[in-house]
Each structure stands twice: as C-alpha cells, then as structure tokens.
N, C-alpha and C. Protein backbone atom coordinates (compact mmCIF):
# COMPACT_ATOMS: atom_id res chain seq x y z
N MET A 1 -17.23 3.75 -14.68
CA MET A 1 -16.40 3.57 -13.22
C MET A 1 -15.27 4.55 -13.70
N SER A 2 -14.63 5.45 -12.46
CA SER A 2 -13.29 5.82 -13.47
C SER A 2 -12.07 5.12 -12.96
N GLU A 3 -11.29 5.50 -13.25
CA GLU A 3 -9.63 4.49 -12.89
C GLU A 3 -9.49 5.53 -11.43
N PRO A 4 -8.83 4.65 -10.49
CA PRO A 4 -8.01 5.19 -9.68
C PRO A 4 -6.87 6.49 -9.68
N VAL A 5 -7.22 7.46 -8.84
CA VAL A 5 -6.62 8.67 -9.06
C VAL A 5 -4.70 7.71 -8.49
N TYR A 6 -4.78 7.67 -7.77
CA TYR A 6 -3.61 7.14 -6.69
C TYR A 6 -3.69 5.34 -6.56
N ARG A 7 -2.20 5.44 -6.77
CA ARG A 7 -1.59 3.74 -6.92
C ARG A 7 -0.59 4.10 -6.07
N LEU A 8 -0.83 2.50 -4.79
CA LEU A 8 0.19 2.86 -3.89
C LEU A 8 0.06 0.96 -4.04
N ARG A 9 1.61 0.86 -3.92
CA ARG A 9 2.31 -0.45 -3.28
C ARG A 9 2.07 -0.74 -1.83
N PHE A 10 1.88 -1.81 -1.59
CA PHE A 10 1.48 -2.07 -0.18
C PHE A 10 2.60 -3.49 0.08
N PHE A 11 3.74 -3.68 1.14
CA PHE A 11 4.66 -4.25 1.61
C PHE A 11 4.93 -3.17 2.67
N PHE A 12 5.92 -4.44 3.45
CA PHE A 12 6.92 -4.15 4.75
C PHE A 12 8.23 -3.82 4.18
N ASP A 13 8.97 -3.27 5.04
CA ASP A 13 10.09 -2.12 4.87
C ASP A 13 10.43 -2.08 6.27
N ALA A 14 10.61 -2.14 7.44
CA ALA A 14 11.25 -1.55 8.50
C ALA A 14 10.32 -0.22 8.76
N GLY A 15 9.61 -0.14 9.32
CA GLY A 15 8.60 0.55 9.80
C GLY A 15 7.63 0.97 8.95
N ILE A 16 7.75 1.17 7.44
CA ILE A 16 6.86 1.21 6.30
C ILE A 16 6.04 0.32 5.63
N CYS A 17 4.96 1.07 5.24
CA CYS A 17 4.19 -0.37 4.69
C CYS A 17 3.60 0.20 3.15
N PHE A 18 3.22 1.59 2.57
CA PHE A 18 2.82 1.79 1.72
C PHE A 18 4.24 2.54 1.00
N TRP A 19 3.97 2.61 -0.40
CA TRP A 19 4.88 3.65 -1.26
C TRP A 19 4.06 3.80 -2.68
N ALA A 20 4.13 5.18 -2.99
CA ALA A 20 3.63 5.60 -4.35
C ALA A 20 4.30 4.87 -5.27
N ALA A 21 3.23 4.33 -6.05
CA ALA A 21 3.35 3.88 -7.04
C ALA A 21 3.08 4.53 -8.29
N ASN A 22 2.34 6.12 -8.61
CA ASN A 22 2.40 6.66 -9.61
C ASN A 22 2.39 7.94 -9.42
N GLU A 23 2.58 8.77 -10.22
CA GLU A 23 3.12 10.45 -10.19
C GLU A 23 2.04 10.81 -9.70
N PRO A 24 0.82 10.85 -9.55
CA PRO A 24 -0.10 11.62 -8.38
C PRO A 24 0.08 10.81 -6.92
N ALA A 25 0.45 9.90 -6.79
CA ALA A 25 0.52 9.73 -5.43
C ALA A 25 1.93 10.23 -5.28
N ARG A 26 2.79 10.00 -5.81
CA ARG A 26 4.15 10.53 -5.67
C ARG A 26 3.92 12.50 -4.87
N ARG A 27 3.17 12.83 -5.88
CA ARG A 27 2.97 14.29 -5.93
C ARG A 27 2.40 14.83 -4.81
N CYS A 28 1.61 13.70 -4.57
CA CYS A 28 1.16 14.00 -3.13
C CYS A 28 1.03 13.37 -1.62
N PHE A 29 1.89 12.55 -1.55
CA PHE A 29 2.30 12.05 -0.41
C PHE A 29 3.97 11.30 -0.32
N GLY A 30 4.71 11.80 -1.62
CA GLY A 30 6.28 11.36 -1.28
C GLY A 30 6.29 9.72 -2.22
N TYR A 31 7.53 9.31 -1.82
CA TYR A 31 7.75 7.84 -2.19
C TYR A 31 7.34 6.85 -0.79
N PRO A 32 8.01 6.92 0.10
CA PRO A 32 7.80 6.12 1.20
C PRO A 32 6.20 6.92 1.99
N VAL A 33 4.85 6.44 1.82
CA VAL A 33 3.58 7.14 1.83
C VAL A 33 3.58 7.00 3.90
N GLU A 34 3.86 8.17 4.36
CA GLU A 34 3.10 8.36 5.47
C GLU A 34 1.59 7.32 6.38
N ILE A 35 1.66 6.49 6.78
CA ILE A 35 0.30 6.31 7.02
C ILE A 35 -0.56 7.22 7.31
N ASN A 36 -0.32 8.49 8.57
CA ASN A 36 -1.11 9.13 9.19
C ASN A 36 -1.59 10.29 7.68
N LYS A 37 -0.68 10.10 6.47
CA LYS A 37 -1.50 11.36 4.92
C LYS A 37 -1.99 10.58 4.62
N LEU A 38 -2.76 9.37 4.52
CA LEU A 38 -3.72 8.55 4.24
C LEU A 38 -5.06 9.02 4.62
N PRO A 39 -6.07 8.81 4.25
CA PRO A 39 -7.24 9.45 4.66
C PRO A 39 -8.16 7.80 5.15
N LEU A 40 -7.41 7.31 6.76
CA LEU A 40 -7.81 6.36 6.75
C LEU A 40 -8.54 7.23 8.50
N THR A 41 -9.21 6.04 8.82
CA THR A 41 -9.61 5.88 10.65
C THR A 41 -8.02 5.99 11.09
N GLU A 42 -8.28 6.45 12.48
CA GLU A 42 -7.25 6.74 13.53
C GLU A 42 -6.77 5.18 13.56
N ASN A 43 -7.97 4.38 13.96
CA ASN A 43 -7.96 3.17 14.72
C ASN A 43 -6.96 2.14 13.14
N THR A 44 -7.69 2.57 12.13
CA THR A 44 -7.18 1.52 10.93
C THR A 44 -5.25 2.17 10.78
N GLN A 45 -5.22 3.31 11.45
CA GLN A 45 -3.58 3.59 11.44
C GLN A 45 -3.04 2.63 12.48
N ARG A 46 -3.61 3.51 13.43
CA ARG A 46 -2.89 2.21 14.46
C ARG A 46 -2.87 0.29 14.02
N LYS A 47 -3.57 0.03 13.39
CA LYS A 47 -3.60 -0.82 13.03
C LYS A 47 -2.29 -1.27 12.55
N LEU A 48 -2.25 -0.40 11.33
CA LEU A 48 -0.99 -0.58 10.50
C LEU A 48 0.55 -0.07 10.88
N ILE A 49 0.40 0.43 11.52
CA ILE A 49 1.50 0.89 12.73
C ILE A 49 1.86 -0.38 13.58
N TYR A 50 1.09 -0.71 14.11
CA TYR A 50 1.35 -2.23 14.94
C TYR A 50 1.59 -3.50 14.10
N LEU A 51 1.16 -3.38 12.75
CA LEU A 51 1.68 -4.25 11.98
C LEU A 51 3.17 -4.71 11.31
N CYS A 52 3.44 -2.68 11.39
CA CYS A 52 4.80 -2.71 10.78
C CYS A 52 5.71 -3.37 11.91
N ALA A 53 5.63 -2.80 13.10
CA ALA A 53 6.40 -3.35 14.39
C ALA A 53 6.15 -4.32 14.31
N TRP A 54 5.26 -5.11 14.38
CA TRP A 54 5.17 -6.95 14.24
C TRP A 54 6.32 -7.02 13.41
N TYR A 55 5.97 -6.74 12.16
CA TYR A 55 7.12 -7.54 10.86
C TYR A 55 8.63 -7.26 11.53
N ASP A 56 8.66 -5.68 11.99
CA ASP A 56 10.08 -5.54 12.08
C ASP A 56 10.37 -6.49 12.68
N THR A 57 9.69 -7.21 13.80
CA THR A 57 10.14 -8.20 14.78
C THR A 57 10.45 -9.80 14.56
N SER A 58 10.01 -9.95 12.55
CA SER A 58 10.60 -10.87 11.92
C SER A 58 12.04 -10.79 11.56
N ILE A 59 12.55 -9.69 11.78
CA ILE A 59 13.79 -9.15 11.79
C ILE A 59 14.91 -10.16 12.72
N ASP A 60 16.10 -10.83 12.60
CA ASP A 60 17.23 -10.50 13.22
C ASP A 60 18.08 -9.26 13.18
N TRP A 61 17.54 -8.73 14.19
CA TRP A 61 18.44 -7.66 13.90
C TRP A 61 19.78 -7.02 13.95
N THR A 62 20.33 -8.49 14.43
CA THR A 62 21.87 -8.51 15.12
C THR A 62 22.59 -9.02 13.07
N TYR A 63 22.10 -9.87 12.53
CA TYR A 63 22.04 -10.40 11.35
C TYR A 63 20.66 -10.48 10.11
N PRO A 64 20.50 -9.01 9.83
CA PRO A 64 19.28 -8.91 8.93
C PRO A 64 19.04 -9.80 7.94
N SER A 65 19.90 -10.66 7.32
CA SER A 65 19.94 -10.92 6.24
C SER A 65 19.85 -11.99 6.77
N GLY A 66 19.79 -12.65 7.76
CA GLY A 66 19.82 -14.45 7.98
C GLY A 66 17.97 -14.85 8.10
N PRO A 67 18.57 -15.70 8.56
CA PRO A 67 16.77 -16.95 8.92
C PRO A 67 16.18 -15.79 9.83
N SER A 68 14.57 -15.67 9.68
CA SER A 68 13.52 -15.00 10.58
C SER A 68 13.92 -15.61 11.88
N PRO A 69 13.21 -15.08 13.15
CA PRO A 69 13.83 -15.51 14.35
C PRO A 69 11.87 -16.16 14.85
N TRP A 70 11.12 -15.83 13.19
CA TRP A 70 10.01 -16.21 13.58
C TRP A 70 9.19 -18.22 13.07
N ASP A 71 8.42 -18.59 13.80
CA ASP A 71 8.44 -19.98 13.50
C ASP A 71 7.07 -19.99 12.21
N ASP A 72 7.09 -20.84 11.70
CA ASP A 72 5.61 -21.26 10.42
C ASP A 72 4.15 -20.27 11.31
N GLU A 73 4.09 -20.77 12.35
CA GLU A 73 2.40 -20.41 13.32
C GLU A 73 2.59 -18.90 13.35
N GLU A 74 4.00 -17.83 13.81
CA GLU A 74 3.83 -17.10 13.36
C GLU A 74 3.64 -16.44 12.51
N TRP A 75 4.21 -16.48 11.61
CA TRP A 75 4.25 -16.38 9.86
C TRP A 75 2.53 -16.04 9.69
N LYS A 76 1.63 -17.47 10.03
CA LYS A 76 0.66 -17.75 9.14
C LYS A 76 -0.13 -16.48 10.33
N ARG A 77 -0.01 -16.39 11.30
CA ARG A 77 -1.12 -15.00 12.53
C ARG A 77 -0.56 -14.15 11.62
N PHE A 78 0.40 -13.34 11.07
CA PHE A 78 0.73 -12.28 10.74
C PHE A 78 0.43 -11.80 9.57
N MET A 79 0.17 -13.05 8.51
CA MET A 79 -0.11 -13.57 6.96
C MET A 79 -1.89 -13.12 7.04
N ALA A 80 -2.16 -13.78 8.09
CA ALA A 80 -3.48 -13.68 8.27
C ALA A 80 -4.44 -12.21 8.70
N GLU A 81 -3.43 -11.72 9.35
CA GLU A 81 -3.88 -10.08 10.17
C GLU A 81 -3.69 -9.17 9.07
N VAL A 82 -2.79 -9.20 8.50
CA VAL A 82 -2.41 -8.52 7.35
C VAL A 82 -3.38 -8.37 6.20
N GLN A 83 -3.97 -9.61 5.97
CA GLN A 83 -4.89 -9.95 4.76
C GLN A 83 -6.09 -9.10 5.42
N ARG A 84 -6.66 -9.40 6.58
CA ARG A 84 -7.49 -8.54 7.21
C ARG A 84 -7.97 -7.34 7.14
N THR A 85 -6.23 -6.42 7.61
CA THR A 85 -6.19 -5.00 7.38
C THR A 85 -6.61 -4.52 6.79
N LEU A 86 -5.77 -5.30 5.10
CA LEU A 86 -5.97 -4.80 4.12
C LEU A 86 -7.12 -4.34 3.68
N ILE A 87 -8.25 -5.42 3.63
CA ILE A 87 -9.60 -5.45 2.91
C ILE A 87 -9.95 -4.66 3.60
N GLY A 88 -10.07 -3.72 5.28
CA GLY A 88 -10.31 -2.37 5.90
C GLY A 88 -9.65 -1.51 4.91
N VAL A 89 -8.28 -1.26 4.91
CA VAL A 89 -7.90 -0.46 4.49
C VAL A 89 -8.54 -0.21 2.70
N ARG A 90 -8.50 -0.68 1.98
CA ARG A 90 -9.08 -0.92 0.69
C ARG A 90 -10.65 -0.18 1.03
N SER A 91 -11.27 -0.61 1.88
CA SER A 91 -12.68 -0.16 1.97
C SER A 91 -12.71 1.61 2.03
N GLU A 92 -12.03 1.65 3.01
CA GLU A 92 -11.83 3.12 3.84
C GLU A 92 -10.97 4.11 2.76
N LEU A 93 -10.19 3.43 1.87
CA LEU A 93 -9.64 4.77 0.98
C LEU A 93 -10.45 4.75 -0.33
N GLY A 94 -11.23 4.04 -1.14
CA GLY A 94 -12.05 3.94 -1.47
C GLY A 94 -11.81 3.80 -2.83
N THR A 95 -12.49 4.31 -3.87
CA THR A 95 -11.84 3.89 -5.54
C THR A 95 -10.97 4.94 -5.89
N GLU A 96 -10.98 6.03 -5.68
CA GLU A 96 -9.44 6.59 -5.62
C GLU A 96 -8.28 6.38 -5.39
N TYR A 97 -8.32 5.37 -4.93
CA TYR A 97 -7.45 4.26 -4.60
C TYR A 97 -6.82 3.08 -4.86
N ASP A 98 -6.13 3.10 -5.59
CA ASP A 98 -5.58 1.53 -6.30
C ASP A 98 -4.30 0.82 -5.13
N VAL A 99 -4.56 0.07 -4.23
CA VAL A 99 -3.72 -0.27 -2.95
C VAL A 99 -3.29 -1.75 -3.51
N VAL A 100 -2.19 -2.19 -3.84
CA VAL A 100 -1.33 -3.45 -4.87
C VAL A 100 -0.67 -3.96 -3.63
N ASP A 101 -1.31 -5.39 -3.51
CA ASP A 101 -0.72 -6.28 -2.71
C ASP A 101 0.94 -6.60 -3.08
N GLU A 102 1.67 -6.49 -1.97
CA GLU A 102 3.02 -6.86 -2.59
C GLU A 102 3.46 -7.61 -1.04
N THR A 103 2.99 -7.74 -0.70
CA THR A 103 3.44 -8.66 1.15
C THR A 103 3.48 -9.89 0.65
N GLY A 104 2.81 -10.98 0.04
CA GLY A 104 3.21 -11.93 -0.28
C GLY A 104 2.73 -12.68 0.84
N THR A 105 1.64 -12.09 1.25
CA THR A 105 1.26 -12.89 2.53
C THR A 105 -0.43 -13.71 2.40
N LYS A 106 -0.47 -13.20 1.10
CA LYS A 106 -1.81 -14.31 1.02
C LYS A 106 -1.89 -16.22 1.00
N LEU A 107 -2.65 -16.40 1.69
CA LEU A 107 -2.28 -17.67 2.67
C LEU A 107 -2.75 -18.52 1.49
C-alpha cells in the first residue's frame, strides 16, 4: 500500500476545519483548506460547514479568550458529532489523504 499523498490537519478555528500539513497539500489546496476544494460529497461538505458554524457558537465573541458559553452536555454532543463526521470524511477521501484529528474531541 502506498503512502497518502495529502496530509491534512483537522481542527476548528472560526469557520475553518482543514489545514494543509505537507507540501503536496499546500500546493494543491493552500494552507487553510476550503471544504469545497476536497473531493467530498455535497452532504459531507454541508455537514462540515454546519460543524464549523456550530463550533463558532462555542466562543463568547464579546470576550473570545474567556470561558465557552457551552455546558458539558453541549460539548459532548458536539464532540460525538465531530467524530461521526470524521469517520465519513476519511472514508470519502480515501487512501490518498491522511487526515490527522487535532480537534481534541475524542470521548
């Protein structure tokens, strides 16, 4: 089996969830990777956009470095959905992609 061509970091930061982690990925996609540039189904792209928007609600935008407005239950729901979605993302991208989970959402 050959090595993956594209290495992507996966974590959330205000509207972005993919980041190029090797030179082939940077050349092809840039550093922050736009979801629609990846060979993902439209449903998966929309799910990722939804997760980015959901994550953004975890930030108190009047005091971004302060505590999150989410309670533990909201974090658990979010983390579970991220992990479910990541399984589908990896499946759709296939062996040419190595998606490194840096979300800290494993339960």
